[in-house]
Amino acid sequence: MTQNSETAPEDLGAPVSYLVLTDGMPVYDRAGDPVGTIEHVLADEREDVFHGLLIATPVGPRFAGGDQVDGLFERAVIVTEPAVRLAEPSADAPADLAESHATGLRRAWDWLIQPK
């Protein structure tokens, strides 16, 4: 995984919609520490529902639900947690998760396992 070293967390650009996020965009936590890069945006664009982000991290793929995304910007994304505290995509989400988060984890898993 490579980080865009020219993009500092302080210079994120203007806020944007999830519709314009691109794969490979850097993701930072609230402290400004690198989390990883966007691997895939999970959304139902027809219904305008943003489920979250599949993020490539040094500890493997992680899912940040829409409620864990603090900001979407032109040059980076801010999430509420460091990579190690984000959930791993899974076909079987834990029962204690909110339904929207569990749905996002399953969608992330389905995207990961599909043939590319």
C-alpha atoms as a PDB file:
ATOM      1  CA  MET A   1       0.000   0.000   0.000  1.00  0.00           C
ATOM      2  CA  THR A   2       1.310   3.441  -0.819  1.00  0.00           C
ATOM      3  CA  GLN A   3       0.378   6.687   0.829  1.00  0.00           C
ATOM      4  CA  ASN A   4       0.230   9.921  -1.119  1.00  0.00           C
ATOM      5  CA  SER A   5       3.003  11.743   0.736  1.00  0.00           C
ATOM      6  CA  GLU A   6       2.090  15.058  -0.915  1.00  0.00           C
ATOM      7  CA  THR A   7      -1.283  15.137   0.842  1.00  0.00           C
ATOM      8  CA  ALA A   8      -1.004  16.316   4.416  1.00  0.00           C
ATOM      9  CA  PRO A   9      -4.001  15.706   6.698  1.00  0.00           C
ATOM     10  CA  GLU A  10      -4.201  19.481   7.239  1.00  0.00           C
ATOM     11  CA  ASP A  11      -4.763  20.125   3.507  1.00  0.00           C
ATOM     12  CA  LEU A  12      -7.803  18.007   2.686  1.00  0.00           C
ATOM     13  CA  GLY A  13      -9.517  20.380   0.270  1.00  0.00           C
ATOM     14  CA  ALA A  14     -13.220  21.150   0.125  1.00  0.00           C
ATOM     15  CA  PRO A  15     -15.910  18.777   1.442  1.00  0.00           C
ATOM     16  CA  VAL A  16     -17.355  16.431  -1.189  1.00  0.00           C
ATOM     17  CA  SER A  17     -20.050  13.790  -1.587  1.00  0.00           C
ATOM     18  CA  TYR A  18     -19.347  10.053  -1.412  1.00  0.00           C
ATOM     19  CA  LEU A  19     -20.232   9.981  -5.119  1.00  0.00           C
ATOM     20  CA  VAL A  20     -16.872  11.482  -6.109  1.00  0.00           C
ATOM     21  CA  LEU A  21     -14.553   9.478  -3.833  1.00  0.00           C
ATOM     22  CA  THR A  22     -11.950   7.511  -5.751  1.00  0.00           C
ATOM     23  CA  ASP A  23     -10.139   4.277  -5.042  1.00  0.00           C
ATOM     24  CA  GLY A  24      -6.670   4.898  -3.622  1.00  0.00           C
ATOM     25  CA  MET A  25      -7.644   8.125  -1.838  1.00  0.00           C
ATOM     26  CA  PRO A  26      -5.875   8.410   1.546  1.00  0.00           C
ATOM     27  CA  VAL A  27      -7.834   7.843   4.756  1.00  0.00           C
ATOM     28  CA  TYR A  28      -6.801   9.351   8.113  1.00  0.00           C
ATOM     29  CA  ASP A  29      -8.145   8.982  11.641  1.00  0.00           C
ATOM     30  CA  ARG A  30      -9.217  11.951  13.781  1.00  0.00           C
ATOM     31  CA  ALA A  31      -5.668  12.387  15.079  1.00  0.00           C
ATOM     32  CA  GLY A  32      -4.367  12.793  11.519  1.00  0.00           C
ATOM     33  CA  ASP A  33      -2.610   9.425  11.468  1.00  0.00           C
ATOM     34  CA  PRO A  34      -2.800   7.407   8.225  1.00  0.00           C
ATOM     35  CA  VAL A  35      -5.361   4.578   8.275  1.00  0.00           C
ATOM     36  CA  GLY A  36      -4.992   3.379   4.686  1.00  0.00           C
ATOM     37  CA  THR A  37      -6.538   4.051   1.292  1.00  0.00           C
ATOM     38  CA  ILE A  38     -10.038   3.676  -0.098  1.00  0.00           C
ATOM     39  CA  GLU A  39     -10.437   0.327  -1.786  1.00  0.00           C
ATOM     40  CA  HIS A  40     -14.153   0.664  -2.554  1.00  0.00           C
ATOM     41  CA  VAL A  41     -17.111   2.936  -1.718  1.00  0.00           C
ATOM     42  CA  LEU A  42     -20.126   0.924  -0.582  1.00  0.00           C
ATOM     43  CA  ALA A  43     -23.311   2.719  -1.598  1.00  0.00           C
ATOM     44  CA  ASP A  44     -26.663   2.324  -3.306  1.00  0.00           C
ATOM     45  CA  GLU A  45     -26.438   5.316  -5.610  1.00  0.00           C
ATOM     46  CA  ARG A  46     -29.976   4.900  -6.979  1.00  0.00           C
ATOM     47  CA  GLU A  47     -31.376   5.222  -3.466  1.00  0.00           C
ATOM     48  CA  ASP A  48     -28.658   7.709  -2.400  1.00  0.00           C
ATOM     49  CA  VAL A  49     -27.595   5.518   0.531  1.00  0.00           C
ATOM     50  CA  PHE A  50     -23.963   5.583   1.657  1.00  0.00           C
ATOM     51  CA  HIS A  51     -23.101   2.393   3.596  1.00  0.00           C
ATOM     52  CA  GLY A  52     -19.423   3.098   4.207  1.00  0.00           C
ATOM     53  CA  LEU A  53     -15.927   2.476   2.933  1.00  0.00           C
ATOM     54  CA  LEU A  54     -13.814  -0.582   2.331  1.00  0.00           C
ATOM     55  CA  ILE A  55     -10.301   0.528   3.279  1.00  0.00           C
ATOM     56  CA  ALA A  56      -6.976  -1.109   2.411  1.00  0.00           C
ATOM     57  CA  THR A  57      -4.896  -0.882   5.599  1.00  0.00           C
ATOM     58  CA  PRO A  58      -1.553  -2.297   6.770  1.00  0.00           C
ATOM     59  CA  VAL A  59      -3.541  -4.769   8.942  1.00  0.00           C
ATOM     60  CA  GLY A  60      -5.732  -5.937   6.042  1.00  0.00           C
ATOM     61  CA  PRO A  61      -9.059  -4.796   4.612  1.00  0.00           C
ATOM     62  CA  ARG A  62     -11.258  -2.882   7.051  1.00  0.00           C
ATOM     63  CA  PHE A  63     -14.777  -1.466   6.904  1.00  0.00           C
ATOM     64  CA  ALA A  64     -15.749   2.004   8.111  1.00  0.00           C
ATOM     65  CA  GLY A  65     -19.522   2.384   8.279  1.00  0.00           C
ATOM     66  CA  GLY A  66     -21.103   5.661   7.272  1.00  0.00           C
ATOM     67  CA  ASP A  67     -21.433   6.561  10.955  1.00  0.00           C
ATOM     68  CA  GLN A  68     -17.644   6.158  11.347  1.00  0.00           C
ATOM     69  CA  VAL A  69     -16.812   8.634   8.596  1.00  0.00           C
ATOM     70  CA  ASP A  70     -16.179  12.142   9.960  1.00  0.00           C
ATOM     71  CA  GLY A  71     -15.456  13.882   6.692  1.00  0.00           C
ATOM     72  CA  LEU A  72     -15.234  13.373   2.957  1.00  0.00           C
ATOM     73  CA  PHE A  73     -12.912  15.815   1.229  1.00  0.00           C
ATOM     74  CA  GLU A  74     -11.346  16.379  -2.199  1.00  0.00           C
ATOM     75  CA  ARG A  75      -8.001  14.857  -1.219  1.00  0.00           C
ATOM     76  CA  ALA A  76      -8.697  12.559   1.742  1.00  0.00           C
ATOM     77  CA  VAL A  77     -11.224  11.036   4.115  1.00  0.00           C
ATOM     78  CA  ILE A  78     -11.340  11.263   7.905  1.00  0.00           C
ATOM     79  CA  VAL A  79     -12.687   8.302   9.936  1.00  0.00           C
ATOM     80  CA  THR A  80     -13.363   8.047  13.660  1.00  0.00           C
ATOM     81  CA  GLU A  81     -11.078   5.081  14.403  1.00  0.00           C
ATOM     82  CA  PRO A  82      -7.545   3.864  13.647  1.00  0.00           C
ATOM     83  CA  ALA A  83      -7.251   0.852  11.334  1.00  0.00           C
ATOM     84  CA  VAL A  84      -6.872  -1.698  14.134  1.00  0.00           C
ATOM     85  CA  ARG A  85     -10.234  -0.658  15.630  1.00  0.00           C
ATOM     86  CA  LEU A  86     -12.217  -0.816  12.374  1.00  0.00           C
ATOM     87  CA  ALA A  87     -14.162  -3.994  11.648  1.00  0.00           C
ATOM     88  CA  GLU A  88     -12.940  -6.660   9.270  1.00  0.00           C
ATOM     89  CA  PRO A  89     -15.380  -7.342   6.415  1.00  0.00           C
ATOM     90  CA  SER A  90     -17.289 -10.521   7.139  1.00  0.00           C
ATOM     91  CA  ALA A  91     -20.133 -12.629   5.787  1.00  0.00           C
ATOM     92  CA  ASP A  92     -21.230 -13.223   9.395  1.00  0.00           C
ATOM     93  CA  ALA A  93     -21.349  -9.925  11.259  1.00  0.00           C
ATOM     94  CA  PRO A  94     -21.497 -10.090  15.071  1.00  0.00           C
ATOM     95  CA  ALA A  95     -25.025  -9.984  16.483  1.00  0.00           C
ATOM     96  CA  ASP A  96     -24.303  -6.955  18.662  1.00  0.00           C
ATOM     97  CA  LEU A  97     -23.788  -4.617  15.670  1.00  0.00           C
ATOM     98  CA  ALA A  98     -26.428  -2.206  14.440  1.00  0.00           C
ATOM     99  CA  GLU A  99     -28.220  -3.580  11.376  1.00  0.00           C
ATOM    100  CA  SER A 100     -26.843  -0.866   9.080  1.00  0.00           C
ATOM    101  CA  HIS A 101     -23.268  -1.636  10.151  1.00  0.00           C
ATOM    102  CA  ALA A 102     -23.809  -5.412   9.805  1.00  0.00           C
ATOM    103  CA  THR A 103     -25.233  -4.864   6.309  1.00  0.00           C
ATOM    104  CA  GLY A 104     -22.169  -2.810   5.385  1.00  0.00           C
ATOM    105  CA  LEU A 105     -19.808  -5.529   6.637  1.00  0.00           C
ATOM    106  CA  ARG A 106     -21.612  -8.127   4.504  1.00  0.00           C
ATOM    107  CA  ARG A 107     -21.537  -5.840   1.447  1.00  0.00           C
ATOM    108  CA  ALA A 108     -17.803  -5.244   1.965  1.00  0.00           C
ATOM    109  CA  TRP A 109     -17.228  -9.013   2.217  1.00  0.00           C
ATOM    110  CA  ASP A 110     -19.283  -9.665  -0.947  1.00  0.00           C
ATOM    111  CA  TRP A 111     -17.277  -7.062  -2.858  1.00  0.00           C
ATOM    112  CA  LEU A 112     -13.955  -8.538  -1.652  1.00  0.00           C
ATOM    113  CA  ILE A 113     -14.775 -12.089  -2.710  1.00  0.00           C
ATOM    114  CA  GLN A 114     -16.256 -11.304  -6.137  1.00  0.00           C
ATOM    115  CA  PRO A 115     -14.055 -12.133  -9.138  1.00  0.00           C
ATOM    116  CA  LYS A 116     -12.249  -9.050 -10.402  1.00  0.00           C
END
